[in-house]
Every structure is written in structure tokens, then in C-alpha cells.
Amino acid sequence: MSVPETPRLLLSLDELVPSASSAQGGALWKLVEQRRQLDANVIRLPASGSVALHVENALDVLLLVVAGDGHLDGGDGPLPLAAGSLAWLPRSSRRGLRAGPGGLVYLTVHVRRPGMGIAGPAAAAEGGEAPCALDRVCPHCGRMRAEARAPFCAWCGEPLDPGAGR
């Protein structure tokens, strides 16, 4: 018999954001509870940093700007973002982020992504194995990068080796 989880405070954004260096990019915090149904991350993009335009076909994402400013790219053009902005990124939408001159700190929340599979029905139908895509897996969170040359992981926000994933 499992013991039920109890609500608890996970972090204080008022303490987390100022304590991180303004030049630091990537994930400042990740939800890591074992039995969770959600994934959540607090990400900092440094001044003028960006997450390349990409399409997420599996998940809706809720994005809350915690500090800084920038733009959400995709759809009908760039949408301005500032602290307190709340954006819904529907699955199958094209999206990207650009930080302003002071950087951008944001929280993302979405349903927990199931583990990745290596081969799918297409590989079996064509015969043989699917091509190896290990060079496109983020070394920080283990998820597939959205674009071959993306500078940051679209999932965890960590900087990626520009030479990998070509």
C-alpha cells in the first residue's frame, strides 16, 4: 500500500531568480518528484538568447514569464513577453523564444512526457533499423532535440554543443 503524497512548497521564485547569475542560461529548477504527472522547469535565457523555432506535436505547454522580457515567435508573428505574461503553446504549434537585453526567465508546465522509443512502426515497415539518432539526444535531460543545430534544448533549456546533432 502506497502512502499518499502531501502538498509541499517546492521553491521560492523570489529567492531562485535573483540568486542565479544573469549570464547563466538553462534550467534553474526542474520538477523531479518521482510520482508526478507533470513536468515543470524554470528556464533562464541570457540576454538576447533564444530557443529556435520548433514544433511540438505531442504536448500543450503553459509558459509563465517570471522575470525579464522577450518575444514568443510563431503563429501570426512575434508576441511581446514581460514578467507576468502567461502563454499557452498548443501542441502542433510552431514556437520559439527570444530573450530581450535583460534576459528572460520563464516557467513551463506540461504533462509528463513518456519515455522515448528508439524504433517505431516505420522502421519495421521499411525493413531494418531506424537510423541512429543518439547524437540528437540532449545530454542533460535525455530528450530528443527539436532541431539538429539548436543552441539550447527545447525541453530543459540547457545549452547544447553546437557541433553535435549535425
C-alpha atoms as a PDB file:
ATOM      1  CA  MET A   1       0.000   0.000   0.000  1.00  0.00           C
ATOM      2  CA  SER A   2       1.466   3.346  -1.025  1.00  0.00           C
ATOM      3  CA  VAL A   3       1.491   6.374   1.228  1.00  0.00           C
ATOM      4  CA  PRO A   4      -0.383   9.360  -0.275  1.00  0.00           C
ATOM      5  CA  GLU A   5       1.644  12.395  -1.262  1.00  0.00           C
ATOM      6  CA  THR A   6       1.142  15.613   0.681  1.00  0.00           C
ATOM      7  CA  PRO A   7       1.247  19.160  -0.679  1.00  0.00           C
ATOM      8  CA  ARG A   8       4.527  20.976  -0.042  1.00  0.00           C
ATOM      9  CA  LEU A   9       6.403  24.090  -1.046  1.00  0.00           C
ATOM     10  CA  LEU A  10       8.953  23.321  -3.764  1.00  0.00           C
ATOM     11  CA  LEU A  11      10.741  26.648  -4.213  1.00  0.00           C
ATOM     12  CA  SER A  12      10.500  30.408  -3.929  1.00  0.00           C
ATOM     13  CA  LEU A  13      10.879  32.203  -7.232  1.00  0.00           C
ATOM     14  CA  ASP A  14      11.660  35.391  -5.290  1.00  0.00           C
ATOM     15  CA  GLU A  15      14.788  33.633  -3.971  1.00  0.00           C
ATOM     16  CA  LEU A  16      15.670  31.495  -7.012  1.00  0.00           C
ATOM     17  CA  VAL A  17      15.693  34.134  -9.748  1.00  0.00           C
ATOM     18  CA  PRO A  18      17.876  36.801  -8.063  1.00  0.00           C
ATOM     19  CA  SER A  19      20.347  34.189  -6.792  1.00  0.00           C
ATOM     20  CA  ALA A  20      21.144  32.962 -10.338  1.00  0.00           C
ATOM     21  CA  SER A  21      23.697  34.866 -12.394  1.00  0.00           C
ATOM     22  CA  SER A  22      22.125  36.991 -15.132  1.00  0.00           C
ATOM     23  CA  ALA A  23      24.594  35.441 -17.591  1.00  0.00           C
ATOM     24  CA  GLN A  24      23.583  31.898 -16.571  1.00  0.00           C
ATOM     25  CA  GLY A  25      21.389  30.201 -19.131  1.00  0.00           C
ATOM     26  CA  GLY A  26      19.488  26.952 -18.960  1.00  0.00           C
ATOM     27  CA  ALA A  27      17.424  25.231 -16.326  1.00  0.00           C
ATOM     28  CA  LEU A  28      17.421  26.930 -12.934  1.00  0.00           C
ATOM     29  CA  TRP A  29      14.980  24.387 -11.458  1.00  0.00           C
ATOM     30  CA  LYS A  30      13.219  21.161 -12.528  1.00  0.00           C
ATOM     31  CA  LEU A  31      10.309  19.263 -11.001  1.00  0.00           C
ATOM     32  CA  VAL A  32      11.805  15.905 -10.026  1.00  0.00           C
ATOM     33  CA  GLU A  33       9.188  14.298  -7.769  1.00  0.00           C
ATOM     34  CA  GLN A  34       9.010  10.568  -8.521  1.00  0.00           C
ATOM     35  CA  ARG A  35       5.262  10.013  -8.880  1.00  0.00           C
ATOM     36  CA  ARG A  36       4.418  13.219 -10.743  1.00  0.00           C
ATOM     37  CA  GLN A  37       2.103  13.510 -13.728  1.00  0.00           C
ATOM     38  CA  LEU A  38       3.565  16.868 -14.767  1.00  0.00           C
ATOM     39  CA  ASP A  39       6.905  18.198 -15.903  1.00  0.00           C
ATOM     40  CA  ALA A  40       7.858  21.745 -14.938  1.00  0.00           C
ATOM     41  CA  ASN A  41      11.031  23.773 -15.419  1.00  0.00           C
ATOM     42  CA  VAL A  42      12.241  27.276 -14.634  1.00  0.00           C
ATOM     43  CA  ILE A  43      14.473  28.314 -17.532  1.00  0.00           C
ATOM     44  CA  ARG A  44      16.687  31.368 -17.983  1.00  0.00           C
ATOM     45  CA  LEU A  45      17.637  32.593 -21.427  1.00  0.00           C
ATOM     46  CA  PRO A  46      20.562  35.019 -21.171  1.00  0.00           C
ATOM     47  CA  ALA A  47      20.395  38.448 -22.811  1.00  0.00           C
ATOM     48  CA  SER A  48      19.431  38.073 -26.488  1.00  0.00           C
ATOM     49  CA  GLY A  49      19.398  34.244 -26.106  1.00  0.00           C
ATOM     50  CA  SER A  50      16.828  32.165 -27.962  1.00  0.00           C
ATOM     51  CA  VAL A  51      15.129  28.825 -28.344  1.00  0.00           C
ATOM     52  CA  ALA A  52      14.924  28.056 -32.074  1.00  0.00           C
ATOM     53  CA  LEU A  53      11.565  27.786 -33.805  1.00  0.00           C
ATOM     54  CA  HIS A  54      10.295  24.234 -33.490  1.00  0.00           C
ATOM     55  CA  VAL A  55       7.060  22.244 -33.494  1.00  0.00           C
ATOM     56  CA  GLU A  56       5.980  20.147 -30.523  1.00  0.00           C
ATOM     57  CA  ASN A  57       3.476  17.592 -31.792  1.00  0.00           C
ATOM     58  CA  ALA A  58       2.749  15.742 -28.549  1.00  0.00           C
ATOM     59  CA  LEU A  59       2.257  18.299 -25.775  1.00  0.00           C
ATOM     60  CA  ASP A  60       0.471  21.511 -24.897  1.00  0.00           C
ATOM     61  CA  VAL A  61       2.738  23.762 -22.814  1.00  0.00           C
ATOM     62  CA  LEU A  62       1.852  26.549 -20.403  1.00  0.00           C
ATOM     63  CA  LEU A  63       4.561  29.230 -20.194  1.00  0.00           C
ATOM     64  CA  LEU A  64       4.673  31.873 -17.438  1.00  0.00           C
ATOM     65  CA  VAL A  65       7.251  34.678 -17.653  1.00  0.00           C
ATOM     66  CA  VAL A  66       8.806  35.147 -14.209  1.00  0.00           C
ATOM     67  CA  ALA A  67      11.345  37.897 -14.961  1.00  0.00           C
ATOM     68  CA  GLY A  68      12.804  39.820 -17.874  1.00  0.00           C
ATOM     69  CA  ASP A  69      11.253  40.243 -21.283  1.00  0.00           C
ATOM     70  CA  GLY A  70      11.404  38.970 -24.835  1.00  0.00           C
ATOM     71  CA  HIS A  71       9.220  37.617 -27.626  1.00  0.00           C
ATOM     72  CA  LEU A  72       7.315  34.431 -28.379  1.00  0.00           C
ATOM     73  CA  ASP A  73       7.784  33.657 -32.085  1.00  0.00           C
ATOM     74  CA  GLY A  74       5.368  31.673 -34.211  1.00  0.00           C
ATOM     75  CA  GLY A  75       1.784  31.921 -35.322  1.00  0.00           C
ATOM     76  CA  ASP A  76       0.959  35.384 -36.651  1.00  0.00           C
ATOM     77  CA  GLY A  77       4.265  36.967 -35.669  1.00  0.00           C
ATOM     78  CA  PRO A  78       6.223  37.820 -32.543  1.00  0.00           C
ATOM     79  CA  LEU A  79       4.253  38.310 -29.325  1.00  0.00           C
ATOM     80  CA  PRO A  80       5.848  40.512 -26.649  1.00  0.00           C
ATOM     81  CA  LEU A  81       6.534  38.828 -23.307  1.00  0.00           C
ATOM     82  CA  ALA A  82       7.101  40.514 -19.941  1.00  0.00           C
ATOM     83  CA  ALA A  83       7.052  39.389 -16.299  1.00  0.00           C
ATOM     84  CA  GLY A  84       3.577  38.068 -15.564  1.00  0.00           C
ATOM     85  CA  SER A  85       2.789  37.094 -19.189  1.00  0.00           C
ATOM     86  CA  LEU A  86       1.071  33.719 -19.430  1.00  0.00           C
ATOM     87  CA  ALA A  87       1.107  31.926 -22.794  1.00  0.00           C
ATOM     88  CA  TRP A  88      -0.464  28.711 -23.998  1.00  0.00           C
ATOM     89  CA  LEU A  89       1.603  26.832 -26.585  1.00  0.00           C
ATOM     90  CA  PRO A  90      -0.802  24.311 -28.151  1.00  0.00           C
ATOM     91  CA  ARG A  91       0.600  21.031 -29.423  1.00  0.00           C
ATOM     92  CA  SER A  92       1.482  21.090 -33.120  1.00  0.00           C
ATOM     93  CA  SER A  93       2.097  24.855 -32.991  1.00  0.00           C
ATOM     94  CA  ARG A  94       5.314  26.393 -34.278  1.00  0.00           C
ATOM     95  CA  ARG A  95       7.055  28.255 -31.459  1.00  0.00           C
ATOM     96  CA  GLY A  96      10.333  29.825 -30.459  1.00  0.00           C
ATOM     97  CA  LEU A  97      11.531  32.283 -27.820  1.00  0.00           C
ATOM     98  CA  ARG A  98      13.854  35.279 -27.912  1.00  0.00           C
ATOM     99  CA  ALA A  99      15.083  36.994 -24.766  1.00  0.00           C
ATOM    100  CA  GLY A 100      15.359  40.754 -24.533  1.00  0.00           C
ATOM    101  CA  PRO A 101      18.507  42.649 -23.491  1.00  0.00           C
ATOM    102  CA  GLY A 102      17.991  41.754 -19.804  1.00  0.00           C
ATOM    103  CA  GLY A 103      17.328  38.061 -20.422  1.00  0.00           C
ATOM    104  CA  LEU A 104      14.147  36.041 -19.896  1.00  0.00           C
ATOM    105  CA  VAL A 105      13.203  33.710 -17.034  1.00  0.00           C
ATOM    106  CA  TYR A 106      10.127  31.543 -17.511  1.00  0.00           C
ATOM    107  CA  LEU A 107       8.296  28.562 -16.042  1.00  0.00           C
ATOM    108  CA  THR A 108       6.971  25.819 -18.323  1.00  0.00           C
ATOM    109  CA  VAL A 109       4.429  23.211 -17.268  1.00  0.00           C
ATOM    110  CA  HIS A 110       3.116  20.288 -19.310  1.00  0.00           C
ATOM    111  CA  VAL A 111       2.006  16.688 -18.981  1.00  0.00           C
ATOM    112  CA  ARG A 112       4.924  14.430 -18.227  1.00  0.00           C
ATOM    113  CA  ARG A 113       6.372  13.110 -21.442  1.00  0.00           C
ATOM    114  CA  PRO A 114       6.504   9.334 -21.754  1.00  0.00           C
ATOM    115  CA  GLY A 115       9.910   7.745 -22.349  1.00  0.00           C
ATOM    116  CA  MET A 116      11.300   7.816 -25.880  1.00  0.00           C
ATOM    117  CA  GLY A 117      11.201   4.772 -28.100  1.00  0.00           C
ATOM    118  CA  ILE A 118      14.101   4.010 -30.421  1.00  0.00           C
ATOM    119  CA  ALA A 119      12.294   2.283 -33.282  1.00  0.00           C
ATOM    120  CA  GLY A 120       8.729   2.708 -34.460  1.00  0.00           C
ATOM    121  CA  PRO A 121       6.387   1.133 -36.996  1.00  0.00           C
ATOM    122  CA  ALA A 122       8.099   2.936 -39.891  1.00  0.00           C
ATOM    123  CA  ALA A 123      11.371   1.139 -39.186  1.00  0.00           C
ATOM    124  CA  ALA A 124       9.660  -2.246 -39.219  1.00  0.00           C
ATOM    125  CA  ALA A 125       7.728  -1.455 -42.421  1.00  0.00           C
ATOM    126  CA  GLU A 126      10.866  -0.369 -44.279  1.00  0.00           C
ATOM    127  CA  GLY A 127      12.928  -3.260 -43.012  1.00  0.00           C
ATOM    128  CA  GLY A 128      15.978  -2.882 -40.854  1.00  0.00           C
ATOM    129  CA  GLU A 129      16.556  -0.485 -38.007  1.00  0.00           C
ATOM    130  CA  ALA A 130      15.785   3.207 -37.859  1.00  0.00           C
ATOM    131  CA  PRO A 131      18.845   5.462 -38.292  1.00  0.00           C
ATOM    132  CA  CYS A 132      20.718   6.165 -35.080  1.00  0.00           C
ATOM    133  CA  ALA A 133      19.664   9.477 -33.569  1.00  0.00           C
ATOM    134  CA  LEU A 134      21.736   9.384 -30.393  1.00  0.00           C
ATOM    135  CA  ASP A 135      23.636  12.499 -31.477  1.00  0.00           C
ATOM    136  CA  ARG A 136      20.323  14.423 -31.257  1.00  0.00           C
ATOM    137  CA  VAL A 137      19.610  13.402 -27.642  1.00  0.00           C
ATOM    138  CA  CYS A 138      20.162  16.151 -25.056  1.00  0.00           C
ATOM    139  CA  PRO A 139      22.923  15.041 -22.663  1.00  0.00           C
ATOM    140  CA  HIS A 140      21.244  16.950 -19.801  1.00  0.00           C
ATOM    141  CA  CYS A 141      17.661  15.617 -19.878  1.00  0.00           C
ATOM    142  CA  GLY A 142      17.853  12.712 -22.350  1.00  0.00           C
ATOM    143  CA  ARG A 143      15.182  14.049 -24.692  1.00  0.00           C
ATOM    144  CA  MET A 144      15.419  14.416 -28.458  1.00  0.00           C
ATOM    145  CA  ARG A 145      16.425  17.919 -29.561  1.00  0.00           C
ATOM    146  CA  ALA A 146      13.896  19.710 -31.742  1.00  0.00           C
ATOM    147  CA  GLU A 147      16.409  20.800 -34.382  1.00  0.00           C
ATOM    148  CA  ALA A 148      19.769  19.400 -35.395  1.00  0.00           C
ATOM    149  CA  ARG A 149      21.652  22.638 -34.671  1.00  0.00           C
ATOM    150  CA  ALA A 150      19.564  24.053 -31.803  1.00  0.00           C
ATOM    151  CA  PRO A 151      21.730  26.088 -29.363  1.00  0.00           C
ATOM    152  CA  PHE A 152      19.541  25.160 -26.366  1.00  0.00           C
ATOM    153  CA  CYS A 153      17.483  22.085 -25.542  1.00  0.00           C
ATOM    154  CA  ALA A 154      13.808  22.943 -26.069  1.00  0.00           C
ATOM    155  CA  TRP A 155      12.913  20.715 -23.099  1.00  0.00           C
ATOM    156  CA  CYS A 156      15.301  21.634 -20.307  1.00  0.00           C
ATOM    157  CA  GLY A 157      16.872  24.835 -21.666  1.00  0.00           C
ATOM    158  CA  GLU A 158      20.457  23.679 -21.207  1.00  0.00           C
ATOM    159  CA  PRO A 159      22.995  24.886 -23.797  1.00  0.00           C
ATOM    160  CA  LEU A 160      23.919  22.258 -26.377  1.00  0.00           C
ATOM    161  CA  ASP A 161      27.187  21.508 -28.106  1.00  0.00           C
ATOM    162  CA  PRO A 162      26.893  23.291 -31.464  1.00  0.00           C
ATOM    163  CA  GLY A 163      28.909  20.561 -33.189  1.00  0.00           C
ATOM    164  CA  ALA A 164      26.603  17.730 -32.086  1.00  0.00           C
ATOM    165  CA  GLY A 165      23.396  16.758 -33.871  1.00  0.00           C
ATOM    166  CA  ARG A 166      24.510  17.579 -37.398  1.00  0.00           C
END
